[in-house]
């Protein structure tokens, strides 16, 4: 059995690798994509989308490893010997901290699926994580990614997909 220290180290490596994998997949599609080299930033990737009028829309994305669920929290540190030496506290992703959480799901040997969860949806759900089974329609849904800052599109689509109930969606406008 792998000890706790080795599991923690592997989780850290997986997290960094998944940021690079997500950035690479997105770069192939959108070209202007970059990892953020700011250690205290609440997001990992910047995606610059070109609009029809030649202006740019910048999307801030937080990447999370998603084995069975996508976590919406950040700021915490794992490990048996962790010791907090700063005022950093855990937080839940929101429209203030990022625009979308990207769950990277290892789907087999060298195969990965991306789940795009807009922070508008995270605020509406008011929970710390969600099972990937509940967000199947967000898997590689680039329309959701490109419209992740459009409240009406996100809420309407998530209602259509059954992620949000009509009752939940009713209070969001």
N, C-alpha and C. Protein backbone atom coordinates (compact mmCIF):
# COMPACT_ATOMS: atom_id res chain seq x y z
N UNK A 1 0.84 -1.19 0.00
CA UNK A 1 0.00 0.00 0.00
C UNK A 1 0.89 1.25 0.00
N UNK A 2 0.49 2.23 -0.78
CA UNK A 2 1.23 3.47 -0.88
C UNK A 2 1.01 4.28 0.39
N UNK A 3 2.09 4.84 0.94
CA UNK A 3 1.92 5.60 2.18
C UNK A 3 1.32 6.98 1.90
N UNK A 4 0.91 7.65 2.95
CA UNK A 4 0.22 8.93 2.85
C UNK A 4 1.09 9.98 2.17
N UNK A 5 2.38 9.99 2.50
CA UNK A 5 3.28 10.97 1.90
C UNK A 5 3.37 10.80 0.39
N UNK A 6 3.49 9.56 -0.06
CA UNK A 6 3.56 9.28 -1.49
C UNK A 6 2.26 9.64 -2.19
N UNK A 7 1.12 9.35 -1.56
CA UNK A 7 -0.19 9.72 -2.15
C UNK A 7 -0.31 11.23 -2.28
N UNK A 8 0.13 11.96 -1.26
CA UNK A 8 0.08 13.41 -1.30
C UNK A 8 0.96 13.98 -2.40
N UNK A 9 2.16 13.41 -2.53
CA UNK A 9 3.08 13.85 -3.58
C UNK A 9 2.47 13.58 -4.95
N UNK A 10 1.88 12.40 -5.14
CA UNK A 10 1.27 12.05 -6.42
C UNK A 10 0.08 12.96 -6.73
N UNK A 11 -0.71 13.30 -5.72
CA UNK A 11 -1.85 14.21 -5.93
C UNK A 11 -1.35 15.58 -6.39
N UNK A 12 -0.25 16.04 -5.82
CA UNK A 12 0.33 17.32 -6.22
C UNK A 12 0.82 17.27 -7.66
N UNK A 13 1.52 16.20 -8.02
CA UNK A 13 2.00 16.03 -9.39
C UNK A 13 0.81 15.97 -10.35
N UNK A 14 -0.22 15.20 -9.99
CA UNK A 14 -1.41 15.11 -10.84
C UNK A 14 -2.04 16.49 -11.06
N UNK A 15 -2.13 17.28 -9.98
CA UNK A 15 -2.72 18.61 -10.09
C UNK A 15 -1.97 19.49 -11.08
N UNK A 16 -0.65 19.53 -10.95
CA UNK A 16 0.16 20.33 -11.89
C UNK A 16 0.04 19.78 -13.31
N UNK A 17 0.09 18.46 -13.45
CA UNK A 17 -0.02 17.85 -14.78
C UNK A 17 -1.37 18.16 -15.41
N UNK A 18 -2.44 18.11 -14.62
CA UNK A 18 -3.77 18.37 -15.16
C UNK A 18 -3.93 19.82 -15.60
N UNK A 19 -3.26 20.75 -14.91
CA UNK A 19 -3.26 22.15 -15.37
C UNK A 19 -2.64 22.23 -16.76
N UNK A 20 -1.51 21.56 -16.96
CA UNK A 20 -0.84 21.59 -18.25
C UNK A 20 -1.65 20.87 -19.33
N UNK A 21 -2.26 19.76 -18.97
CA UNK A 21 -3.09 19.02 -19.92
C UNK A 21 -4.27 19.88 -20.37
N UNK A 22 -4.97 20.50 -19.42
CA UNK A 22 -6.10 21.36 -19.76
C UNK A 22 -5.64 22.52 -20.64
N UNK A 23 -4.54 23.16 -20.26
CA UNK A 23 -4.03 24.28 -21.05
C UNK A 23 -3.69 23.82 -22.47
N UNK A 24 -3.07 22.66 -22.60
CA UNK A 24 -2.72 22.15 -23.93
C UNK A 24 -3.94 21.86 -24.79
N UNK A 25 -4.94 21.22 -24.21
CA UNK A 25 -6.18 20.93 -24.95
C UNK A 25 -6.85 22.23 -25.39
N UNK A 26 -6.92 23.18 -24.47
CA UNK A 26 -7.56 24.47 -24.78
C UNK A 26 -6.74 25.26 -25.81
N UNK A 27 -5.41 25.17 -25.73
CA UNK A 27 -4.54 25.88 -26.66
C UNK A 27 -4.75 25.38 -28.09
N UNK A 28 -4.93 24.06 -28.24
CA UNK A 28 -5.18 23.50 -29.57
C UNK A 28 -6.45 24.09 -30.18
N UNK A 29 -7.43 24.41 -29.34
CA UNK A 29 -8.71 24.92 -29.82
C UNK A 29 -8.72 26.45 -29.95
N UNK A 30 -8.18 27.14 -28.93
CA UNK A 30 -8.31 28.60 -28.87
C UNK A 30 -7.00 29.36 -29.12
N UNK A 31 -5.89 28.69 -29.16
CA UNK A 31 -4.56 29.23 -29.39
C UNK A 31 -4.07 30.15 -28.27
N UNK A 32 -4.76 31.20 -27.96
CA UNK A 32 -4.28 32.19 -26.99
C UNK A 32 -4.67 31.78 -25.57
N UNK A 33 -3.93 30.82 -25.02
CA UNK A 33 -4.19 30.24 -23.70
C UNK A 33 -2.87 30.23 -22.93
N UNK A 34 -2.93 30.54 -21.64
CA UNK A 34 -1.71 30.55 -20.86
C UNK A 34 -1.95 30.07 -19.44
N UNK A 35 -0.97 29.35 -18.91
CA UNK A 35 -0.96 29.04 -17.49
C UNK A 35 -0.63 30.33 -16.75
N UNK A 36 -1.20 30.52 -15.59
CA UNK A 36 -0.94 31.69 -14.77
C UNK A 36 0.18 31.36 -13.80
N UNK A 37 1.22 32.17 -13.79
CA UNK A 37 2.36 31.93 -12.90
C UNK A 37 2.30 32.87 -11.70
N UNK A 38 1.17 32.86 -11.05
CA UNK A 38 0.94 33.67 -9.85
C UNK A 38 0.49 32.73 -8.74
N UNK A 39 1.35 32.40 -7.79
CA UNK A 39 1.04 31.36 -6.81
C UNK A 39 -0.17 31.64 -5.92
N UNK A 40 -0.54 32.89 -5.73
CA UNK A 40 -1.69 33.19 -4.88
C UNK A 40 -2.96 33.47 -5.68
N UNK A 41 -2.89 33.27 -6.98
CA UNK A 41 -4.05 33.51 -7.84
C UNK A 41 -5.10 32.43 -7.64
N UNK A 42 -6.38 32.80 -7.63
CA UNK A 42 -7.45 31.80 -7.49
C UNK A 42 -7.79 31.10 -8.82
N UNK A 43 -7.04 31.40 -9.87
CA UNK A 43 -7.25 30.72 -11.15
C UNK A 43 -5.91 30.28 -11.70
N UNK A 44 -5.93 29.26 -12.58
CA UNK A 44 -4.73 28.63 -13.09
C UNK A 44 -4.44 28.96 -14.55
N UNK A 45 -5.49 29.25 -15.31
CA UNK A 45 -5.37 29.41 -16.76
C UNK A 45 -6.14 30.66 -17.19
N UNK A 46 -5.59 31.34 -18.19
CA UNK A 46 -6.28 32.45 -18.86
C UNK A 46 -6.54 32.01 -20.29
N UNK A 47 -7.79 32.19 -20.74
CA UNK A 47 -8.17 31.89 -22.12
C UNK A 47 -8.62 33.21 -22.73
N UNK A 48 -8.01 33.59 -23.84
CA UNK A 48 -8.39 34.84 -24.51
C UNK A 48 -9.17 34.46 -25.76
N UNK A 49 -10.46 34.82 -25.76
CA UNK A 49 -11.32 34.54 -26.91
C UNK A 49 -11.46 35.78 -27.76
N UNK A 50 -11.35 35.63 -29.06
CA UNK A 50 -11.55 36.73 -30.01
C UNK A 50 -13.04 36.82 -30.30
N UNK A 51 -13.62 38.01 -30.11
CA UNK A 51 -15.04 38.21 -30.40
C UNK A 51 -15.23 38.62 -31.86
N UNK A 52 -16.47 38.62 -32.31
CA UNK A 52 -16.79 38.95 -33.71
C UNK A 52 -16.32 40.36 -34.07
N UNK A 53 -16.35 41.28 -33.10
CA UNK A 53 -15.94 42.67 -33.36
C UNK A 53 -14.43 42.88 -33.17
N UNK A 54 -13.67 41.80 -33.08
CA UNK A 54 -12.21 41.80 -32.89
C UNK A 54 -11.76 42.20 -31.49
N UNK A 55 -12.71 42.42 -30.58
CA UNK A 55 -12.32 42.66 -29.19
C UNK A 55 -12.02 41.30 -28.55
N UNK A 56 -11.48 41.32 -27.33
CA UNK A 56 -11.12 40.09 -26.65
C UNK A 56 -11.92 39.90 -25.38
N UNK A 57 -12.25 38.66 -25.10
CA UNK A 57 -12.92 38.30 -23.86
C UNK A 57 -11.96 37.36 -23.12
N UNK A 58 -11.62 37.70 -21.88
CA UNK A 58 -10.69 36.91 -21.09
C UNK A 58 -11.46 36.05 -20.10
N UNK A 59 -11.21 34.75 -20.13
CA UNK A 59 -11.84 33.79 -19.22
C UNK A 59 -10.78 33.30 -18.24
N UNK A 60 -11.10 33.42 -16.94
CA UNK A 60 -10.23 32.93 -15.87
C UNK A 60 -10.71 31.55 -15.46
N UNK A 61 -9.81 30.56 -15.55
CA UNK A 61 -10.20 29.17 -15.28
C UNK A 61 -9.37 28.57 -14.15
N UNK A 62 -10.06 27.90 -13.24
CA UNK A 62 -9.42 27.14 -12.17
C UNK A 62 -9.50 25.66 -12.56
N UNK A 63 -8.39 24.94 -12.46
CA UNK A 63 -8.35 23.53 -12.85
C UNK A 63 -8.38 22.65 -11.60
N UNK A 64 -9.22 21.62 -11.64
CA UNK A 64 -9.32 20.66 -10.54
C UNK A 64 -9.27 19.24 -11.10
N UNK A 65 -8.57 18.35 -10.39
CA UNK A 65 -8.61 16.94 -10.74
C UNK A 65 -9.99 16.42 -10.37
N UNK A 66 -10.62 15.70 -11.29
CA UNK A 66 -12.01 15.25 -11.09
C UNK A 66 -12.09 13.75 -11.30
N UNK A 67 -11.81 12.99 -10.25
CA UNK A 67 -11.92 11.53 -10.38
C UNK A 67 -13.39 11.11 -10.37
N UNK A 68 -14.12 11.49 -9.32
CA UNK A 68 -15.55 11.18 -9.22
C UNK A 68 -16.40 12.43 -9.13
N UNK A 69 -15.78 13.53 -8.71
CA UNK A 69 -16.50 14.79 -8.57
C UNK A 69 -15.55 15.95 -8.86
N UNK A 70 -16.14 17.13 -9.05
CA UNK A 70 -15.38 18.35 -9.26
C UNK A 70 -15.53 19.18 -7.99
N UNK A 71 -14.41 19.50 -7.37
CA UNK A 71 -14.41 20.33 -6.16
C UNK A 71 -14.45 21.80 -6.56
N UNK A 72 -15.17 22.59 -5.78
CA UNK A 72 -15.26 24.02 -6.04
C UNK A 72 -14.48 24.83 -5.02
N UNK A 73 -13.69 24.18 -4.18
CA UNK A 73 -12.97 24.90 -3.13
C UNK A 73 -11.50 25.09 -3.50
N UNK A 74 -10.91 26.08 -2.87
CA UNK A 74 -9.49 26.37 -3.09
C UNK A 74 -8.90 26.94 -1.82
N UNK A 75 -7.60 27.12 -1.84
CA UNK A 75 -6.91 27.75 -0.71
C UNK A 75 -6.47 26.80 0.37
N UNK A 76 -6.97 25.59 0.39
CA UNK A 76 -6.58 24.62 1.41
C UNK A 76 -5.33 23.89 0.98
N UNK A 77 -4.63 23.35 1.93
CA UNK A 77 -3.44 22.57 1.63
C UNK A 77 -3.57 21.22 2.31
N UNK A 78 -3.20 20.17 1.60
CA UNK A 78 -3.32 18.83 2.15
C UNK A 78 -2.01 18.34 2.73
N UNK A 79 -2.06 17.16 3.27
CA UNK A 79 -0.86 16.53 3.79
C UNK A 79 -0.92 16.35 5.28
N UNK A 80 -0.28 15.32 5.75
CA UNK A 80 -0.29 14.98 7.16
C UNK A 80 0.41 16.05 7.99
N UNK A 81 1.51 16.60 7.46
CA UNK A 81 2.32 17.52 8.24
C UNK A 81 2.06 18.98 7.87
N UNK A 82 0.90 19.28 7.33
CA UNK A 82 0.62 20.65 6.91
C UNK A 82 0.58 21.57 8.12
N UNK A 83 1.05 22.78 7.91
CA UNK A 83 1.04 23.79 8.96
C UNK A 83 0.74 25.12 8.29
N UNK A 84 -0.29 25.80 8.73
CA UNK A 84 -0.65 27.07 8.13
C UNK A 84 0.20 28.18 8.72
N UNK A 85 0.91 28.88 7.84
CA UNK A 85 1.79 29.95 8.29
C UNK A 85 1.36 31.29 7.74
N UNK A 86 0.18 31.35 7.17
CA UNK A 86 -0.32 32.61 6.61
C UNK A 86 -1.81 32.71 6.92
N UNK A 87 -2.38 33.78 6.43
CA UNK A 87 -3.82 33.98 6.62
C UNK A 87 -4.65 33.35 5.51
N UNK A 88 -4.04 32.52 4.67
CA UNK A 88 -4.75 31.87 3.59
C UNK A 88 -5.80 30.94 4.17
N UNK A 89 -7.00 31.08 3.71
CA UNK A 89 -8.11 30.24 4.16
C UNK A 89 -8.79 29.62 2.95
N UNK A 90 -9.50 28.54 3.17
CA UNK A 90 -10.22 27.92 2.07
C UNK A 90 -11.37 28.81 1.65
N UNK A 91 -11.74 28.70 0.39
CA UNK A 91 -12.84 29.47 -0.16
C UNK A 91 -13.51 28.63 -1.24
N UNK A 92 -14.73 29.02 -1.59
CA UNK A 92 -15.44 28.37 -2.69
C UNK A 92 -15.34 29.28 -3.90
N UNK A 93 -15.03 28.69 -5.05
CA UNK A 93 -14.93 29.47 -6.27
C UNK A 93 -16.24 30.23 -6.52
N UNK A 94 -16.11 31.44 -7.03
CA UNK A 94 -17.26 32.28 -7.33
C UNK A 94 -16.91 33.17 -8.52
N UNK A 95 -17.86 33.97 -8.96
CA UNK A 95 -17.62 34.87 -10.08
C UNK A 95 -16.58 35.94 -9.73
N UNK A 96 -16.31 36.13 -8.45
CA UNK A 96 -15.27 37.06 -8.02
C UNK A 96 -13.88 36.46 -8.23
N UNK A 97 -13.73 35.16 -8.01
CA UNK A 97 -12.41 34.52 -8.07
C UNK A 97 -12.05 33.95 -9.44
N UNK A 98 -13.02 33.50 -10.21
CA UNK A 98 -12.76 32.94 -11.54
C UNK A 98 -14.07 32.89 -12.32
N UNK A 99 -13.99 32.50 -13.57
CA UNK A 99 -15.18 32.42 -14.42
C UNK A 99 -15.67 30.99 -14.62
N UNK A 100 -14.75 30.03 -14.53
CA UNK A 100 -15.10 28.64 -14.77
C UNK A 100 -14.12 27.74 -14.01
N UNK A 101 -14.65 26.62 -13.52
CA UNK A 101 -13.81 25.57 -12.95
C UNK A 101 -13.77 24.46 -14.00
N UNK A 102 -12.57 24.01 -14.33
CA UNK A 102 -12.41 22.94 -15.30
C UNK A 102 -12.01 21.68 -14.55
N UNK A 103 -12.89 20.70 -14.55
CA UNK A 103 -12.58 19.41 -13.95
C UNK A 103 -11.89 18.54 -14.99
N UNK A 104 -10.69 18.08 -14.67
CA UNK A 104 -9.95 17.19 -15.57
C UNK A 104 -10.14 15.77 -15.04
N UNK A 105 -10.86 14.97 -15.82
CA UNK A 105 -11.18 13.60 -15.43
C UNK A 105 -10.28 12.62 -16.18
N UNK A 106 -9.42 11.89 -15.45
CA UNK A 106 -8.62 10.85 -16.11
C UNK A 106 -9.54 9.73 -16.58
N UNK A 107 -9.65 9.56 -17.90
CA UNK A 107 -10.61 8.61 -18.46
C UNK A 107 -9.94 7.32 -18.94
N UNK A 108 -8.70 7.14 -18.60
CA UNK A 108 -7.96 5.96 -19.03
C UNK A 108 -6.51 6.33 -19.22
N UNK A 109 -5.74 5.40 -19.76
CA UNK A 109 -4.32 5.69 -20.01
C UNK A 109 -4.17 6.82 -21.01
N UNK A 110 -3.63 7.92 -20.53
CA UNK A 110 -3.37 9.09 -21.37
C UNK A 110 -4.62 9.62 -22.07
N UNK A 111 -5.77 9.47 -21.46
CA UNK A 111 -7.02 10.02 -21.99
C UNK A 111 -7.67 10.86 -20.89
N UNK A 112 -8.14 12.04 -21.25
CA UNK A 112 -8.70 12.96 -20.26
C UNK A 112 -9.96 13.62 -20.82
N UNK A 113 -10.92 13.84 -19.92
CA UNK A 113 -12.15 14.55 -20.27
C UNK A 113 -12.16 15.85 -19.48
N UNK A 114 -12.63 16.92 -20.11
CA UNK A 114 -12.74 18.21 -19.44
C UNK A 114 -14.21 18.52 -19.16
N UNK A 115 -14.49 18.90 -17.93
CA UNK A 115 -15.83 19.32 -17.51
C UNK A 115 -15.77 20.81 -17.21
N UNK A 116 -16.60 21.61 -17.89
CA UNK A 116 -16.60 23.06 -17.71
C UNK A 116 -17.76 23.46 -16.80
N UNK A 117 -17.44 23.92 -15.60
CA UNK A 117 -18.46 24.31 -14.62
C UNK A 117 -18.34 25.82 -14.37
N UNK A 118 -19.24 26.61 -14.97
CA UNK A 118 -19.17 28.07 -14.76
C UNK A 118 -19.39 28.43 -13.29
N UNK A 119 -18.69 29.46 -12.83
CA UNK A 119 -18.87 29.88 -11.44
C UNK A 119 -20.27 30.45 -11.20
N UNK A 120 -20.94 30.88 -12.25
CA UNK A 120 -22.35 31.28 -12.11
C UNK A 120 -23.16 30.09 -11.61
N UNK A 121 -22.90 28.91 -12.15
CA UNK A 121 -23.59 27.69 -11.72
C UNK A 121 -23.18 27.33 -10.30
N UNK A 122 -21.88 27.46 -9.98
CA UNK A 122 -21.40 27.14 -8.63
C UNK A 122 -22.11 27.99 -7.60
N UNK A 123 -22.27 29.28 -7.87
CA UNK A 123 -22.99 30.16 -6.95
C UNK A 123 -24.45 29.74 -6.82
N UNK A 124 -25.06 29.33 -7.93
CA UNK A 124 -26.47 28.90 -7.90
C UNK A 124 -26.63 27.60 -7.11
N UNK A 125 -25.70 26.68 -7.24
CA UNK A 125 -25.78 25.39 -6.55
C UNK A 125 -25.51 25.53 -5.05
N UNK A 126 -24.64 26.47 -4.69
CA UNK A 126 -24.30 26.72 -3.28
C UNK A 126 -23.85 25.43 -2.58
N UNK A 127 -22.86 24.77 -3.21
CA UNK A 127 -22.29 23.56 -2.62
C UNK A 127 -20.79 23.53 -2.94
N UNK A 128 -20.07 22.63 -2.30
CA UNK A 128 -18.61 22.59 -2.38
C UNK A 128 -18.07 21.73 -3.51
N UNK A 129 -18.91 20.88 -4.10
CA UNK A 129 -18.48 20.00 -5.18
C UNK A 129 -19.72 19.44 -5.88
N UNK A 130 -19.47 18.74 -6.99
CA UNK A 130 -20.57 18.08 -7.69
C UNK A 130 -20.03 16.82 -8.38
N UNK A 131 -20.82 15.76 -8.36
CA UNK A 131 -20.46 14.50 -9.01
C UNK A 131 -20.39 14.70 -10.53
N UNK A 132 -19.40 14.09 -11.16
CA UNK A 132 -19.32 14.23 -12.62
C UNK A 132 -20.52 13.55 -13.29
N UNK A 133 -21.16 12.61 -12.61
CA UNK A 133 -22.37 12.00 -13.17
C UNK A 133 -23.50 13.01 -13.32
N UNK A 134 -23.54 14.02 -12.47
CA UNK A 134 -24.60 15.03 -12.53
C UNK A 134 -24.33 16.11 -13.57
N UNK A 135 -23.08 16.18 -14.05
CA UNK A 135 -22.74 17.24 -15.00
C UNK A 135 -22.24 16.68 -16.33
N UNK A 136 -22.72 15.51 -16.70
CA UNK A 136 -22.29 14.88 -17.96
C UNK A 136 -22.45 15.82 -19.16
N UNK A 137 -23.50 16.65 -19.15
CA UNK A 137 -23.74 17.55 -20.28
C UNK A 137 -22.75 18.70 -20.34
N UNK A 138 -21.94 18.87 -19.30
CA UNK A 138 -20.92 19.92 -19.30
C UNK A 138 -19.57 19.37 -19.79
N UNK A 139 -19.50 18.06 -20.03
CA UNK A 139 -18.27 17.44 -20.51
C UNK A 139 -17.95 17.95 -21.91
N UNK A 140 -16.79 18.60 -22.02
CA UNK A 140 -16.31 19.12 -23.30
C UNK A 140 -17.36 19.95 -24.01
N UNK A 141 -18.16 20.67 -23.22
CA UNK A 141 -19.21 21.54 -23.75
C UNK A 141 -18.59 22.93 -23.95
N UNK A 142 -18.00 23.14 -25.11
CA UNK A 142 -17.29 24.39 -25.38
C UNK A 142 -18.23 25.58 -25.50
N UNK A 143 -19.48 25.34 -25.83
CA UNK A 143 -20.47 26.43 -25.83
C UNK A 143 -20.63 26.98 -24.42
N UNK A 144 -20.69 26.10 -23.43
CA UNK A 144 -20.78 26.54 -22.02
C UNK A 144 -19.51 27.29 -21.63
N UNK A 145 -18.35 26.77 -22.02
CA UNK A 145 -17.09 27.46 -21.70
C UNK A 145 -17.08 28.86 -22.29
N UNK A 146 -17.42 28.98 -23.56
CA UNK A 146 -17.38 30.28 -24.25
C UNK A 146 -18.41 31.26 -23.71
N UNK A 147 -19.48 30.74 -23.10
CA UNK A 147 -20.53 31.60 -22.55
C UNK A 147 -20.57 31.56 -21.03
N UNK A 148 -19.47 31.16 -20.39
CA UNK A 148 -19.47 30.95 -18.94
C UNK A 148 -19.76 32.23 -18.14
N UNK A 149 -19.64 33.40 -18.74
CA UNK A 149 -19.94 34.65 -18.03
C UNK A 149 -21.33 35.19 -18.36
N UNK A 150 -22.07 34.48 -19.19
CA UNK A 150 -23.41 34.90 -19.58
C UNK A 150 -24.44 34.17 -18.69
N UNK A 151 -24.93 34.88 -17.69
CA UNK A 151 -25.84 34.30 -16.70
C UNK A 151 -27.04 33.60 -17.34
N UNK A 152 -27.68 34.24 -18.30
CA UNK A 152 -28.89 33.67 -18.92
C UNK A 152 -28.56 32.35 -19.62
N UNK A 153 -27.49 32.33 -20.41
CA UNK A 153 -27.12 31.11 -21.13
C UNK A 153 -26.80 30.00 -20.14
N UNK A 154 -25.99 30.29 -19.13
CA UNK A 154 -25.58 29.26 -18.15
C UNK A 154 -26.79 28.70 -17.42
N UNK A 155 -27.64 29.57 -16.90
CA UNK A 155 -28.80 29.11 -16.13
C UNK A 155 -29.78 28.34 -17.01
N UNK A 156 -30.08 28.88 -18.19
CA UNK A 156 -31.02 28.20 -19.10
C UNK A 156 -30.50 26.83 -19.52
N UNK A 157 -29.22 26.74 -19.89
CA UNK A 157 -28.65 25.46 -20.32
C UNK A 157 -28.61 24.46 -19.16
N UNK A 158 -28.23 24.92 -17.97
CA UNK A 158 -28.14 24.01 -16.83
C UNK A 158 -29.52 23.55 -16.38
N UNK A 159 -30.51 24.36 -16.60
CA UNK A 159 -31.89 23.94 -16.35
C UNK A 159 -32.29 22.88 -17.39
N UNK A 160 -31.97 23.15 -18.64
CA UNK A 160 -32.26 22.20 -19.72
C UNK A 160 -31.57 20.85 -19.48
N UNK A 161 -30.34 20.88 -18.98
CA UNK A 161 -29.58 19.66 -18.72
C UNK A 161 -30.00 18.95 -17.44
N UNK A 162 -30.85 19.59 -16.62
CA UNK A 162 -31.29 18.98 -15.37
C UNK A 162 -30.31 19.16 -14.22
N UNK A 163 -29.32 20.01 -14.40
CA UNK A 163 -28.36 20.29 -13.32
C UNK A 163 -29.00 21.21 -12.29
N UNK A 164 -29.80 22.14 -12.78
CA UNK A 164 -30.59 23.03 -11.91
C UNK A 164 -32.06 22.73 -12.13
N UNK A 165 -32.82 22.71 -11.05
CA UNK A 165 -34.26 22.53 -11.18
C UNK A 165 -34.89 23.85 -11.59
N UNK A 166 -36.10 23.80 -12.09
CA UNK A 166 -36.82 25.02 -12.45
C UNK A 166 -36.99 25.92 -11.23
N UNK A 167 -37.20 25.29 -10.08
CA UNK A 167 -37.37 26.04 -8.82
C UNK A 167 -36.09 26.79 -8.47
N UNK A 168 -34.94 26.10 -8.56
CA UNK A 168 -33.66 26.75 -8.27
C UNK A 168 -33.39 27.88 -9.25
N UNK A 169 -33.64 27.63 -10.53
CA UNK A 169 -33.35 28.61 -11.58
C UNK A 169 -34.26 29.83 -11.48
N UNK A 170 -35.44 29.66 -10.94
CA UNK A 170 -36.42 30.74 -10.85
C UNK A 170 -35.90 31.94 -10.06
N UNK A 171 -35.08 31.69 -9.06
CA UNK A 171 -34.60 32.75 -8.19
C UNK A 171 -33.29 33.40 -8.65
N UNK A 172 -32.81 33.01 -9.80
CA UNK A 172 -31.49 33.45 -10.22
C UNK A 172 -31.48 34.63 -11.18
N UNK A 173 -32.63 35.18 -11.49
CA UNK A 173 -32.67 36.35 -12.39
C UNK A 173 -33.23 37.55 -11.70
